[in-house]
């Protein structure tokens, strides 16, 4: 897996936004939560492909793995 810096920043930003919103059941803006989650899934699919993204139970878990792998490796993010 290798993704661009822009893809990494998008995924990291959307994941941070979801974390700031809190749990879906108690968030102030459920529609905003769903929109952000859908955008995160799209970003994950763009970065790693549909099949790889769908191996995870949620977009949040897929994004967490992508971010963790990219932060722990100097070669997974390419500057384009």
N, C-alpha and C. Protein backbone atom coordinates (compact mmCIF):
# COMPACT_ATOMS: atom_id res chain seq x y z
N UNK A 1 0.85 -1.18 0.00
CA UNK A 1 0.00 0.00 0.00
C UNK A 1 0.89 1.23 0.00
N UNK A 2 0.58 2.16 -0.85
CA UNK A 2 1.25 3.44 -0.87
C UNK A 2 0.22 4.47 -1.28
N UNK A 3 0.11 5.53 -0.49
CA UNK A 3 -0.87 6.57 -0.77
C UNK A 3 -0.17 7.91 -0.86
N UNK A 4 -0.85 8.88 -1.43
CA UNK A 4 -0.26 10.22 -1.55
C UNK A 4 -0.44 10.97 -0.24
N UNK A 5 0.34 12.00 -0.09
CA UNK A 5 0.25 12.84 1.11
C UNK A 5 -1.14 13.47 1.20
N UNK A 6 -1.69 13.88 0.08
CA UNK A 6 -3.02 14.49 0.08
C UNK A 6 -4.08 13.48 0.55
N UNK A 7 -3.97 12.22 0.11
CA UNK A 7 -4.91 11.20 0.57
C UNK A 7 -4.77 10.96 2.07
N UNK A 8 -3.53 10.88 2.55
CA UNK A 8 -3.30 10.70 3.98
C UNK A 8 -3.91 11.85 4.77
N UNK A 9 -3.67 13.08 4.34
CA UNK A 9 -4.18 14.24 5.06
C UNK A 9 -5.70 14.26 5.07
N UNK A 10 -6.31 13.87 3.97
CA UNK A 10 -7.77 13.82 3.90
C UNK A 10 -8.32 12.79 4.88
N UNK A 11 -7.76 11.59 4.86
CA UNK A 11 -8.22 10.52 5.74
C UNK A 11 -8.00 10.90 7.20
N UNK A 12 -6.83 11.42 7.51
CA UNK A 12 -6.52 11.81 8.89
C UNK A 12 -7.46 12.92 9.36
N UNK A 13 -7.73 13.89 8.51
CA UNK A 13 -8.63 14.99 8.88
C UNK A 13 -10.07 14.53 9.10
N UNK A 14 -10.57 13.68 8.22
CA UNK A 14 -11.94 13.17 8.37
C UNK A 14 -12.06 12.28 9.61
N UNK A 15 -11.04 11.48 9.86
CA UNK A 15 -11.07 10.63 11.05
C UNK A 15 -11.06 11.49 12.32
N UNK A 16 -10.27 12.53 12.32
CA UNK A 16 -10.25 13.45 13.47
C UNK A 16 -11.61 14.13 13.66
N UNK A 17 -12.25 14.49 12.55
CA UNK A 17 -13.58 15.10 12.64
C UNK A 17 -14.58 14.15 13.27
N UNK A 18 -14.54 12.89 12.87
CA UNK A 18 -15.45 11.90 13.47
C UNK A 18 -15.18 11.74 14.96
N UNK A 19 -13.92 11.71 15.34
CA UNK A 19 -13.59 11.56 16.76
C UNK A 19 -14.08 12.75 17.56
N UNK A 20 -13.98 13.95 16.99
CA UNK A 20 -14.47 15.15 17.69
C UNK A 20 -15.98 15.14 17.87
N UNK A 21 -16.68 14.52 16.94
CA UNK A 21 -18.15 14.45 17.03
C UNK A 21 -18.62 13.51 18.14
N UNK A 22 -17.77 12.57 18.52
CA UNK A 22 -18.14 11.61 19.54
C UNK A 22 -18.91 10.44 18.95
N UNK A 23 -19.58 9.70 19.80
CA UNK A 23 -20.37 8.56 19.36
C UNK A 23 -21.58 9.02 18.56
N UNK A 24 -21.95 8.22 17.57
CA UNK A 24 -23.10 8.57 16.72
C UNK A 24 -24.37 8.75 17.54
N UNK A 25 -24.58 7.88 18.52
CA UNK A 25 -25.81 7.91 19.31
C UNK A 25 -25.96 9.19 20.12
N UNK A 26 -24.86 9.85 20.44
CA UNK A 26 -24.93 11.03 21.30
C UNK A 26 -24.43 12.30 20.63
N UNK A 27 -24.09 12.25 19.35
CA UNK A 27 -23.54 13.43 18.69
C UNK A 27 -24.65 14.46 18.45
N UNK A 28 -24.23 15.71 18.35
CA UNK A 28 -25.18 16.81 18.17
C UNK A 28 -25.74 16.87 16.75
N UNK A 29 -25.02 16.35 15.79
CA UNK A 29 -25.42 16.43 14.38
C UNK A 29 -25.30 15.07 13.71
N UNK A 30 -26.35 14.22 13.84
CA UNK A 30 -26.28 12.88 13.24
C UNK A 30 -26.08 12.90 11.72
N UNK A 31 -26.71 13.83 11.04
CA UNK A 31 -26.55 13.90 9.58
C UNK A 31 -25.12 14.26 9.21
N UNK A 32 -24.52 15.17 9.94
CA UNK A 32 -23.13 15.54 9.71
C UNK A 32 -22.20 14.37 9.98
N UNK A 33 -22.52 13.58 11.00
CA UNK A 33 -21.72 12.40 11.32
C UNK A 33 -21.77 11.41 10.17
N UNK A 34 -22.96 11.15 9.64
CA UNK A 34 -23.11 10.20 8.54
C UNK A 34 -22.41 10.72 7.28
N UNK A 35 -22.54 12.02 7.00
CA UNK A 35 -21.86 12.58 5.83
C UNK A 35 -20.35 12.46 5.95
N UNK A 36 -19.82 12.75 7.13
CA UNK A 36 -18.39 12.65 7.35
C UNK A 36 -17.93 11.20 7.24
N UNK A 37 -18.72 10.28 7.79
CA UNK A 37 -18.38 8.86 7.70
C UNK A 37 -18.39 8.38 6.25
N UNK A 38 -19.35 8.84 5.47
CA UNK A 38 -19.41 8.46 4.05
C UNK A 38 -18.23 9.03 3.27
N UNK A 39 -17.87 10.28 3.57
CA UNK A 39 -16.71 10.89 2.92
C UNK A 39 -15.43 10.16 3.29
N UNK A 40 -15.35 9.71 4.56
CA UNK A 40 -14.19 8.95 5.01
C UNK A 40 -14.10 7.62 4.27
N UNK A 41 -15.21 6.93 4.12
CA UNK A 41 -15.21 5.67 3.37
C UNK A 41 -14.77 5.90 1.93
N UNK A 42 -15.26 6.94 1.29
CA UNK A 42 -14.85 7.25 -0.08
C UNK A 42 -13.35 7.51 -0.15
N UNK A 43 -12.81 8.24 0.83
CA UNK A 43 -11.38 8.54 0.84
C UNK A 43 -10.56 7.27 1.04
N UNK A 44 -11.04 6.38 1.89
CA UNK A 44 -10.35 5.10 2.10
C UNK A 44 -10.36 4.26 0.84
N UNK A 45 -11.49 4.22 0.16
CA UNK A 45 -11.59 3.46 -1.09
C UNK A 45 -10.65 4.04 -2.14
N UNK A 46 -10.60 5.37 -2.24
CA UNK A 46 -9.68 6.01 -3.19
C UNK A 46 -8.23 5.67 -2.88
N UNK A 47 -7.90 5.56 -1.60
CA UNK A 47 -6.52 5.34 -1.20
C UNK A 47 -6.08 3.89 -1.33
N UNK A 48 -6.91 2.95 -0.91
CA UNK A 48 -6.47 1.55 -0.86
C UNK A 48 -7.29 0.61 -1.74
N UNK A 49 -8.33 1.10 -2.36
CA UNK A 49 -9.17 0.26 -3.21
C UNK A 49 -10.39 -0.26 -2.47
N UNK A 50 -11.40 -0.61 -3.24
CA UNK A 50 -12.68 -1.04 -2.68
C UNK A 50 -12.56 -2.31 -1.85
N UNK A 51 -11.89 -3.30 -2.40
CA UNK A 51 -11.79 -4.60 -1.71
C UNK A 51 -11.06 -4.47 -0.37
N UNK A 52 -9.97 -3.74 -0.36
CA UNK A 52 -9.21 -3.58 0.89
C UNK A 52 -10.00 -2.78 1.92
N UNK A 53 -10.70 -1.74 1.49
CA UNK A 53 -11.48 -0.92 2.41
C UNK A 53 -12.65 -1.70 2.99
N UNK A 54 -13.22 -2.59 2.21
CA UNK A 54 -14.39 -3.35 2.66
C UNK A 54 -14.02 -4.52 3.57
N UNK A 55 -12.75 -4.77 3.78
CA UNK A 55 -12.33 -5.81 4.71
C UNK A 55 -12.57 -5.39 6.17
N UNK A 56 -12.80 -4.11 6.40
CA UNK A 56 -13.00 -3.57 7.74
C UNK A 56 -14.49 -3.38 8.01
N UNK A 57 -14.91 -3.52 9.27
CA UNK A 57 -16.33 -3.37 9.60
C UNK A 57 -16.84 -1.93 9.50
N UNK A 58 -15.94 -0.95 9.50
CA UNK A 58 -16.38 0.44 9.39
C UNK A 58 -15.30 1.27 8.72
N UNK A 59 -15.72 2.41 8.20
CA UNK A 59 -14.77 3.34 7.58
C UNK A 59 -13.80 3.86 8.64
N UNK A 60 -14.28 4.04 9.84
CA UNK A 60 -13.44 4.55 10.92
C UNK A 60 -12.29 3.57 11.23
N UNK A 61 -12.59 2.30 11.27
CA UNK A 61 -11.54 1.31 11.54
C UNK A 61 -10.55 1.22 10.38
N UNK A 62 -11.04 1.29 9.16
CA UNK A 62 -10.16 1.27 8.00
C UNK A 62 -9.23 2.48 8.04
N UNK A 63 -9.78 3.64 8.30
CA UNK A 63 -8.98 4.86 8.35
C UNK A 63 -7.95 4.80 9.48
N UNK A 64 -8.33 4.26 10.61
CA UNK A 64 -7.40 4.15 11.74
C UNK A 64 -6.20 3.29 11.38
N UNK A 65 -6.44 2.20 10.66
CA UNK A 65 -5.35 1.33 10.24
C UNK A 65 -4.46 2.04 9.22
N UNK A 66 -5.07 2.73 8.29
CA UNK A 66 -4.30 3.47 7.28
C UNK A 66 -3.41 4.51 7.95
N UNK A 67 -3.99 5.30 8.85
CA UNK A 67 -3.23 6.35 9.53
C UNK A 67 -2.11 5.74 10.37
N UNK A 68 -2.40 4.70 11.11
CA UNK A 68 -1.38 4.07 11.95
C UNK A 68 -0.23 3.52 11.11
N UNK A 69 -0.56 2.86 10.01
CA UNK A 69 0.50 2.31 9.15
C UNK A 69 1.34 3.42 8.52
N UNK A 70 0.68 4.48 8.10
CA UNK A 70 1.42 5.58 7.47
C UNK A 70 2.31 6.31 8.47
N UNK A 71 1.85 6.48 9.68
CA UNK A 71 2.65 7.16 10.69
C UNK A 71 3.83 6.33 11.16
N UNK A 72 3.73 5.02 11.03
CA UNK A 72 4.81 4.16 11.49
C UNK A 72 5.77 3.74 10.38
N UNK A 73 5.58 4.27 9.18
CA UNK A 73 6.45 3.91 8.06
C UNK A 73 6.78 5.16 7.25
N UNK A 74 8.03 5.29 6.92
CA UNK A 74 8.47 6.44 6.13
C UNK A 74 8.22 6.24 4.64
N UNK A 75 7.82 5.06 4.22
CA UNK A 75 7.70 4.78 2.79
C UNK A 75 6.27 4.62 2.29
N UNK A 76 5.29 4.65 3.17
CA UNK A 76 3.92 4.43 2.70
C UNK A 76 3.26 5.67 2.11
N UNK A 77 3.73 6.84 2.49
CA UNK A 77 3.16 8.08 1.96
C UNK A 77 4.13 8.68 0.96
N UNK A 78 3.65 8.85 -0.26
CA UNK A 78 4.51 9.46 -1.26
C UNK A 78 4.08 10.90 -1.51
N UNK A 79 5.04 11.75 -1.62
CA UNK A 79 4.78 13.17 -1.87
C UNK A 79 4.68 13.33 -3.38
N UNK A 80 3.51 13.79 -3.80
CA UNK A 80 3.31 13.94 -5.24
C UNK A 80 2.98 15.36 -5.60
